[in-house]
């Protein structure tokens, strides 16, 4: 998958490659990018779609399929992101062209472009000229960040230097993580705080690591 920031816009463009699955890729990307509410719009090609709705209920539609439209939204409920995506697709049959549609439960794609339009952002005025009270509050938060529940083995933490790391072990003093390249390092917990970003489609949680200032 490729991820692009659209020029001069806060929206994202996901470019799915062969074998990638929606909505899994979409949810993981939203969690990693801190997107909590978004409108979704796209199209592509799929090798199979699992759809729900209509008189036949849930069904798996074999491809190849031209996915004419992907539309819906992603929104946060508690710590989880919930997708509601609808698709309209076509496929060639012996009897001619067949149109199918419904709520997308799972789609295996050959390729697709999906636009993620963020919602719930602060206004430009707020971002450009925050109040003094907001500045003080942000400063206090950065001085003494409040910990969320610590991660468990298998969860993912985003380190400001190492990037995404998988938790391999945790004790009273150290957090043991595996870096993307496979190397394992041990981090001192006395200088770290955990901020929960959300839950990945695998059920594992995603955290941001905040490095405390030395006293």
C-alpha atoms as a PDB file:
ATOM      1  CA  UNK A   1       0.000   0.000   0.000  1.00  0.00           C
ATOM      2  CA  UNK A   2       1.105   3.554  -0.700  1.00  0.00           C
ATOM      3  CA  UNK A   3      -0.072   6.513   1.374  1.00  0.00           C
ATOM      4  CA  UNK A   4      -0.019  10.055   0.019  1.00  0.00           C
ATOM      5  CA  UNK A   5      -0.836  13.409   1.576  1.00  0.00           C
ATOM      6  CA  UNK A   6      -2.861  15.369  -0.961  1.00  0.00           C
ATOM      7  CA  UNK A   7      -1.200  18.694  -1.780  1.00  0.00           C
ATOM      8  CA  UNK A   8      -2.440  21.670   0.258  1.00  0.00           C
ATOM      9  CA  UNK A   9      -5.123  19.483   1.860  1.00  0.00           C
ATOM     10  CA  UNK A  10      -5.360  17.483   5.093  1.00  0.00           C
ATOM     11  CA  UNK A  11      -6.868  14.521   3.232  1.00  0.00           C
ATOM     12  CA  UNK A  12      -5.061  11.227   2.579  1.00  0.00           C
ATOM     13  CA  UNK A  13      -4.990   9.030  -0.509  1.00  0.00           C
ATOM     14  CA  UNK A  14      -4.527   5.272  -0.051  1.00  0.00           C
ATOM     15  CA  UNK A  15      -3.266   3.338  -3.054  1.00  0.00           C
ATOM     16  CA  UNK A  16      -3.981  -0.344  -2.481  1.00  0.00           C
ATOM     17  CA  UNK A  17      -1.890  -3.038  -4.124  1.00  0.00           C
ATOM     18  CA  UNK A  18      -2.621  -6.646  -5.080  1.00  0.00           C
ATOM     19  CA  UNK A  19      -3.862  -8.781  -2.191  1.00  0.00           C
ATOM     20  CA  UNK A  20      -4.570  -5.966   0.262  1.00  0.00           C
ATOM     21  CA  UNK A  21      -7.812  -6.091   2.224  1.00  0.00           C
ATOM     22  CA  UNK A  22     -10.428  -3.468   3.015  1.00  0.00           C
ATOM     23  CA  UNK A  23     -11.447  -2.307   5.532  1.00  0.00           C
ATOM     24  CA  UNK A  24      -8.373  -3.698   7.395  1.00  0.00           C
ATOM     25  CA  UNK A  25      -5.810  -1.504   5.604  1.00  0.00           C
ATOM     26  CA  UNK A  26      -8.038   1.546   5.972  1.00  0.00           C
ATOM     27  CA  UNK A  27      -8.510   1.088   9.729  1.00  0.00           C
ATOM     28  CA  UNK A  28      -4.803   0.497  10.400  1.00  0.00           C
ATOM     29  CA  UNK A  29      -3.896   3.604   8.392  1.00  0.00           C
ATOM     30  CA  UNK A  30      -6.433   5.763  10.249  1.00  0.00           C
ATOM     31  CA  UNK A  31      -5.082   4.610  13.616  1.00  0.00           C
ATOM     32  CA  UNK A  32      -1.480   5.244  12.580  1.00  0.00           C
ATOM     33  CA  UNK A  33      -2.307   8.708  11.195  1.00  0.00           C
ATOM     34  CA  UNK A  34      -4.468   9.729  14.153  1.00  0.00           C
ATOM     35  CA  UNK A  35      -7.661   9.957  12.076  1.00  0.00           C
ATOM     36  CA  UNK A  36     -10.732   9.473  14.286  1.00  0.00           C
ATOM     37  CA  UNK A  37     -13.498  10.515  11.896  1.00  0.00           C
ATOM     38  CA  UNK A  38     -13.368  10.477   8.101  1.00  0.00           C
ATOM     39  CA  UNK A  39     -15.471  10.276   4.970  1.00  0.00           C
ATOM     40  CA  UNK A  40     -14.343   7.591   2.509  1.00  0.00           C
ATOM     41  CA  UNK A  41     -14.585   7.664  -1.279  1.00  0.00           C
ATOM     42  CA  UNK A  42     -12.858   5.441  -3.838  1.00  0.00           C
ATOM     43  CA  UNK A  43     -12.890   2.836  -6.595  1.00  0.00           C
ATOM     44  CA  UNK A  44     -10.759  -0.053  -7.840  1.00  0.00           C
ATOM     45  CA  UNK A  45     -10.619  -3.739  -8.783  1.00  0.00           C
ATOM     46  CA  UNK A  46     -11.241  -6.712  -6.498  1.00  0.00           C
ATOM     47  CA  UNK A  47     -10.720 -10.451  -6.660  1.00  0.00           C
ATOM     48  CA  UNK A  48     -13.551 -11.046  -4.179  1.00  0.00           C
ATOM     49  CA  UNK A  49     -16.015  -9.114  -2.041  1.00  0.00           C
ATOM     50  CA  UNK A  50     -17.934 -10.189   1.044  1.00  0.00           C
ATOM     51  CA  UNK A  51     -21.095  -8.096   1.183  1.00  0.00           C
ATOM     52  CA  UNK A  52     -24.072  -7.784   3.486  1.00  0.00           C
ATOM     53  CA  UNK A  53     -27.573  -6.525   2.725  1.00  0.00           C
ATOM     54  CA  UNK A  54     -30.459  -7.335   0.445  1.00  0.00           C
ATOM     55  CA  UNK A  55     -32.642 -10.460   0.412  1.00  0.00           C
ATOM     56  CA  UNK A  56     -29.676 -12.869   0.316  1.00  0.00           C
ATOM     57  CA  UNK A  57     -28.011 -11.459   3.458  1.00  0.00           C
ATOM     58  CA  UNK A  58     -24.260 -11.896   3.756  1.00  0.00           C
ATOM     59  CA  UNK A  59     -22.618 -13.365   0.665  1.00  0.00           C
ATOM     60  CA  UNK A  60     -19.209 -13.711  -0.947  1.00  0.00           C
ATOM     61  CA  UNK A  61     -18.972 -12.509  -4.533  1.00  0.00           C
ATOM     62  CA  UNK A  62     -16.147 -13.947  -6.611  1.00  0.00           C
ATOM     63  CA  UNK A  63     -14.288 -11.746  -9.068  1.00  0.00           C
ATOM     64  CA  UNK A  64     -12.746 -10.283 -10.961  1.00  0.00           C
ATOM     65  CA  UNK A  65     -14.897  -7.264 -10.150  1.00  0.00           C
ATOM     66  CA  UNK A  66     -14.721  -3.643 -11.172  1.00  0.00           C
ATOM     67  CA  UNK A  67     -15.511  -1.744  -7.984  1.00  0.00           C
ATOM     68  CA  UNK A  68     -17.256   1.315  -9.356  1.00  0.00           C
ATOM     69  CA  UNK A  69     -17.708   3.107  -6.050  1.00  0.00           C
ATOM     70  CA  UNK A  70     -16.567   2.755  -2.426  1.00  0.00           C
ATOM     71  CA  UNK A  71     -18.301   5.200  -0.063  1.00  0.00           C
ATOM     72  CA  UNK A  72     -18.916   5.531   3.648  1.00  0.00           C
ATOM     73  CA  UNK A  73     -17.294   6.705   6.839  1.00  0.00           C
ATOM     74  CA  UNK A  74     -14.985   5.724   9.661  1.00  0.00           C
ATOM     75  CA  UNK A  75     -15.704   6.945  13.175  1.00  0.00           C
ATOM     76  CA  UNK A  76     -14.314   6.279  16.631  1.00  0.00           C
ATOM     77  CA  UNK A  77     -16.411   4.473  19.216  1.00  0.00           C
ATOM     78  CA  UNK A  78     -14.543   4.164  22.493  1.00  0.00           C
ATOM     79  CA  UNK A  79     -10.996   3.079  21.615  1.00  0.00           C
ATOM     80  CA  UNK A  80     -12.039   1.359  18.387  1.00  0.00           C
ATOM     81  CA  UNK A  81     -12.552   2.726  14.909  1.00  0.00           C
ATOM     82  CA  UNK A  82     -15.703   1.440  13.234  1.00  0.00           C
ATOM     83  CA  UNK A  83     -16.105   1.470   9.435  1.00  0.00           C
ATOM     84  CA  UNK A  84     -19.341   1.614   7.471  1.00  0.00           C
ATOM     85  CA  UNK A  85     -18.475   1.172   3.793  1.00  0.00           C
ATOM     86  CA  UNK A  86     -20.814   0.507   0.878  1.00  0.00           C
ATOM     87  CA  UNK A  87     -19.694  -0.632  -2.546  1.00  0.00           C
ATOM     88  CA  UNK A  88     -21.171  -0.938  -6.019  1.00  0.00           C
ATOM     89  CA  UNK A  89     -19.344  -3.315  -8.366  1.00  0.00           C
ATOM     90  CA  UNK A  90     -19.791  -5.096 -11.683  1.00  0.00           C
ATOM     91  CA  UNK A  91     -18.579  -8.402 -13.119  1.00  0.00           C
ATOM     92  CA  UNK A  92     -18.868 -10.223 -16.410  1.00  0.00           C
ATOM     93  CA  UNK A  93     -21.091 -13.319 -16.308  1.00  0.00           C
ATOM     94  CA  UNK A  94     -22.158 -15.788 -19.012  1.00  0.00           C
ATOM     95  CA  UNK A  95     -25.522 -14.057 -19.014  1.00  0.00           C
ATOM     96  CA  UNK A  96     -23.996 -10.572 -19.327  1.00  0.00           C
ATOM     97  CA  UNK A  97     -22.908  -7.800 -16.976  1.00  0.00           C
ATOM     98  CA  UNK A  98     -24.013  -8.216 -13.342  1.00  0.00           C
ATOM     99  CA  UNK A  99     -24.166  -5.333 -10.852  1.00  0.00           C
ATOM    100  CA  UNK A 100     -23.733  -6.133  -7.162  1.00  0.00           C
ATOM    101  CA  UNK A 101     -23.696  -3.926  -4.088  1.00  0.00           C
ATOM    102  CA  UNK A 102     -24.023  -3.807  -0.339  1.00  0.00           C
ATOM    103  CA  UNK A 103     -22.182  -3.114   2.895  1.00  0.00           C
ATOM    104  CA  UNK A 104     -18.541  -4.155   2.555  1.00  0.00           C
ATOM    105  CA  UNK A 105     -17.526  -6.717   5.183  1.00  0.00           C
ATOM    106  CA  UNK A 106     -14.255  -7.697   3.510  1.00  0.00           C
ATOM    107  CA  UNK A 107     -12.776  -7.093   0.091  1.00  0.00           C
ATOM    108  CA  UNK A 108      -9.577  -8.521  -1.380  1.00  0.00           C
ATOM    109  CA  UNK A 109      -8.354  -5.988  -3.892  1.00  0.00           C
ATOM    110  CA  UNK A 110      -6.166  -6.110  -6.976  1.00  0.00           C
ATOM    111  CA  UNK A 111      -5.747  -2.340  -6.795  1.00  0.00           C
ATOM    112  CA  UNK A 112      -7.718   0.666  -5.596  1.00  0.00           C
ATOM    113  CA  UNK A 113      -7.496   4.347  -4.737  1.00  0.00           C
ATOM    114  CA  UNK A 114      -9.295   5.430  -1.579  1.00  0.00           C
ATOM    115  CA  UNK A 115      -9.602   9.026  -0.435  1.00  0.00           C
ATOM    116  CA  UNK A 116      -9.776   9.640   3.331  1.00  0.00           C
ATOM    117  CA  UNK A 117     -11.313  13.045   4.109  1.00  0.00           C
ATOM    118  CA  UNK A 118     -10.596  13.942   7.712  1.00  0.00           C
ATOM    119  CA  UNK A 119     -13.284  15.455   9.938  1.00  0.00           C
ATOM    120  CA  UNK A 120     -13.345  16.897  13.438  1.00  0.00           C
ATOM    121  CA  UNK A 121     -10.266  19.087  12.964  1.00  0.00           C
ATOM    122  CA  UNK A 122      -9.703  22.408  14.750  1.00  0.00           C
ATOM    123  CA  UNK A 123     -10.463  25.503  12.726  1.00  0.00           C
ATOM    124  CA  UNK A 124      -7.633  27.389  11.037  1.00  0.00           C
ATOM    125  CA  UNK A 125      -8.168  30.353  13.363  1.00  0.00           C
ATOM    126  CA  UNK A 126      -7.782  28.157  16.448  1.00  0.00           C
ATOM    127  CA  UNK A 127      -4.649  26.549  15.039  1.00  0.00           C
ATOM    128  CA  UNK A 128      -3.106  29.896  14.042  1.00  0.00           C
ATOM    129  CA  UNK A 129      -3.928  31.932  17.151  1.00  0.00           C
ATOM    130  CA  UNK A 130      -4.605  29.718  20.185  1.00  0.00           C
ATOM    131  CA  UNK A 131      -5.644  31.352  23.456  1.00  0.00           C
ATOM    132  CA  UNK A 132      -3.089  31.888  26.230  1.00  0.00           C
ATOM    133  CA  UNK A 133      -5.006  29.411  28.418  1.00  0.00           C
ATOM    134  CA  UNK A 134      -4.652  26.771  25.698  1.00  0.00           C
ATOM    135  CA  UNK A 135      -0.908  27.445  25.472  1.00  0.00           C
ATOM    136  CA  UNK A 136      -0.496  27.060  29.238  1.00  0.00           C
ATOM    137  CA  UNK A 137      -2.573  23.859  29.262  1.00  0.00           C
ATOM    138  CA  UNK A 138      -0.507  22.377  26.439  1.00  0.00           C
ATOM    139  CA  UNK A 139       2.717  23.321  28.210  1.00  0.00           C
ATOM    140  CA  UNK A 140       1.590  21.679  31.448  1.00  0.00           C
ATOM    141  CA  UNK A 141       0.611  18.543  29.585  1.00  0.00           C
ATOM    142  CA  UNK A 142       4.018  18.329  27.869  1.00  0.00           C
ATOM    143  CA  UNK A 143       5.805  18.828  31.193  1.00  0.00           C
ATOM    144  CA  UNK A 144       3.932  16.043  32.980  1.00  0.00           C
ATOM    145  CA  UNK A 145       2.200  13.772  30.446  1.00  0.00           C
ATOM    146  CA  UNK A 146      -0.515  11.600  31.886  1.00  0.00           C
ATOM    147  CA  UNK A 147       0.000   7.891  31.347  1.00  0.00           C
ATOM    148  CA  UNK A 148      -2.618   5.703  29.761  1.00  0.00           C
ATOM    149  CA  UNK A 149      -2.809   2.017  30.629  1.00  0.00           C
ATOM    150  CA  UNK A 150       0.598   0.501  29.717  1.00  0.00           C
ATOM    151  CA  UNK A 151       0.916  -1.691  26.610  1.00  0.00           C
ATOM    152  CA  UNK A 152       0.944  -5.465  26.683  1.00  0.00           C
ATOM    153  CA  UNK A 153       3.081  -7.952  24.795  1.00  0.00           C
ATOM    154  CA  UNK A 154       2.165  -7.789  21.097  1.00  0.00           C
ATOM    155  CA  UNK A 155       0.953  -4.181  21.187  1.00  0.00           C
ATOM    156  CA  UNK A 156       2.624  -1.587  18.937  1.00  0.00           C
ATOM    157  CA  UNK A 157       4.352   1.562  20.225  1.00  0.00           C
ATOM    158  CA  UNK A 158       5.521   4.498  18.110  1.00  0.00           C
ATOM    159  CA  UNK A 159       8.948   5.661  19.274  1.00  0.00           C
ATOM    160  CA  UNK A 160       9.979   9.214  18.209  1.00  0.00           C
ATOM    161  CA  UNK A 161      13.341   7.875  16.954  1.00  0.00           C
ATOM    162  CA  UNK A 162      12.800   4.197  16.092  1.00  0.00           C
ATOM    163  CA  UNK A 163       9.276   4.433  14.658  1.00  0.00           C
ATOM    164  CA  UNK A 164       6.702   1.611  15.119  1.00  0.00           C
ATOM    165  CA  UNK A 165       7.960  -1.140  17.456  1.00  0.00           C
ATOM    166  CA  UNK A 166       6.337  -4.338  18.730  1.00  0.00           C
ATOM    167  CA  UNK A 167       6.311  -4.897  22.488  1.00  0.00           C
ATOM    168  CA  UNK A 168       8.153  -8.113  23.401  1.00  0.00           C
ATOM    169  CA  UNK A 169       8.264  -7.708  27.175  1.00  0.00           C
ATOM    170  CA  UNK A 170       7.625  -5.241  30.002  1.00  0.00           C
ATOM    171  CA  UNK A 171       8.880  -5.097  33.597  1.00  0.00           C
ATOM    172  CA  UNK A 172       8.858  -2.518  36.390  1.00  0.00           C
ATOM    173  CA  UNK A 173      11.894  -0.763  34.907  1.00  0.00           C
ATOM    174  CA  UNK A 174      12.200  -1.633  31.218  1.00  0.00           C
ATOM    175  CA  UNK A 175      10.170  -1.996  28.044  1.00  0.00           C
ATOM    176  CA  UNK A 176      11.580  -4.514  25.568  1.00  0.00           C
ATOM    177  CA  UNK A 177      10.611  -3.832  21.946  1.00  0.00           C
ATOM    178  CA  UNK A 178      11.423  -5.203  18.497  1.00  0.00           C
ATOM    179  CA  UNK A 179      12.241  -2.629  15.844  1.00  0.00           C
ATOM    180  CA  UNK A 180      11.000  -2.867  12.245  1.00  0.00           C
ATOM    181  CA  UNK A 181      14.400  -4.224  11.142  1.00  0.00           C
ATOM    182  CA  UNK A 182      14.176  -7.095  13.646  1.00  0.00           C
ATOM    183  CA  UNK A 183      16.589  -5.725  16.273  1.00  0.00           C
ATOM    184  CA  UNK A 184      15.434  -5.849  19.907  1.00  0.00           C
ATOM    185  CA  UNK A 185      16.155  -2.977  22.322  1.00  0.00           C
ATOM    186  CA  UNK A 186      15.366  -2.280  25.958  1.00  0.00           C
ATOM    187  CA  UNK A 187      13.959   1.144  26.938  1.00  0.00           C
ATOM    188  CA  UNK A 188      13.984   2.625  30.435  1.00  0.00           C
ATOM    189  CA  UNK A 189      10.415   3.172  31.639  1.00  0.00           C
ATOM    190  CA  UNK A 190      11.403   6.022  33.986  1.00  0.00           C
ATOM    191  CA  UNK A 191      11.733   8.329  30.951  1.00  0.00           C
ATOM    192  CA  UNK A 192       8.623   7.185  29.055  1.00  0.00           C
ATOM    193  CA  UNK A 193       4.899   7.845  29.100  1.00  0.00           C
ATOM    194  CA  UNK A 194       2.252   5.998  27.072  1.00  0.00           C
ATOM    195  CA  UNK A 195      -0.526   7.647  25.066  1.00  0.00           C
ATOM    196  CA  UNK A 196      -3.094   5.260  23.608  1.00  0.00           C
ATOM    197  CA  UNK A 197      -4.001   6.102  19.985  1.00  0.00           C
ATOM    198  CA  UNK A 198      -6.445   3.283  19.296  1.00  0.00           C
ATOM    199  CA  UNK A 199      -6.859  -0.357  18.440  1.00  0.00           C
ATOM    200  CA  UNK A 200      -5.601  -2.019  15.253  1.00  0.00           C
ATOM    201  CA  UNK A 201      -7.703  -4.450  13.226  1.00  0.00           C
ATOM    202  CA  UNK A 202      -5.615  -7.302  14.686  1.00  0.00           C
ATOM    203  CA  UNK A 203      -6.951  -6.472  18.162  1.00  0.00           C
ATOM    204  CA  UNK A 204      -3.570  -5.121  19.287  1.00  0.00           C
ATOM    205  CA  UNK A 205      -3.363  -1.573  20.600  1.00  0.00           C
ATOM    206  CA  UNK A 206      -1.296   1.289  19.185  1.00  0.00           C
ATOM    207  CA  UNK A 207       0.516   3.713  21.503  1.00  0.00           C
ATOM    208  CA  UNK A 208       2.613   6.829  21.142  1.00  0.00           C
ATOM    209  CA  UNK A 209       5.682   6.929  23.389  1.00  0.00           C
ATOM    210  CA  UNK A 210       6.269  10.311  25.007  1.00  0.00           C
ATOM    211  CA  UNK A 211       9.835  10.831  26.242  1.00  0.00           C
ATOM    212  CA  UNK A 212       9.895  12.631  29.595  1.00  0.00           C
ATOM    213  CA  UNK A 213      12.333  15.435  30.238  1.00  0.00           C
ATOM    214  CA  UNK A 214      15.224  14.663  32.578  1.00  0.00           C
ATOM    215  CA  UNK A 215      14.754  16.234  35.992  1.00  0.00           C
END
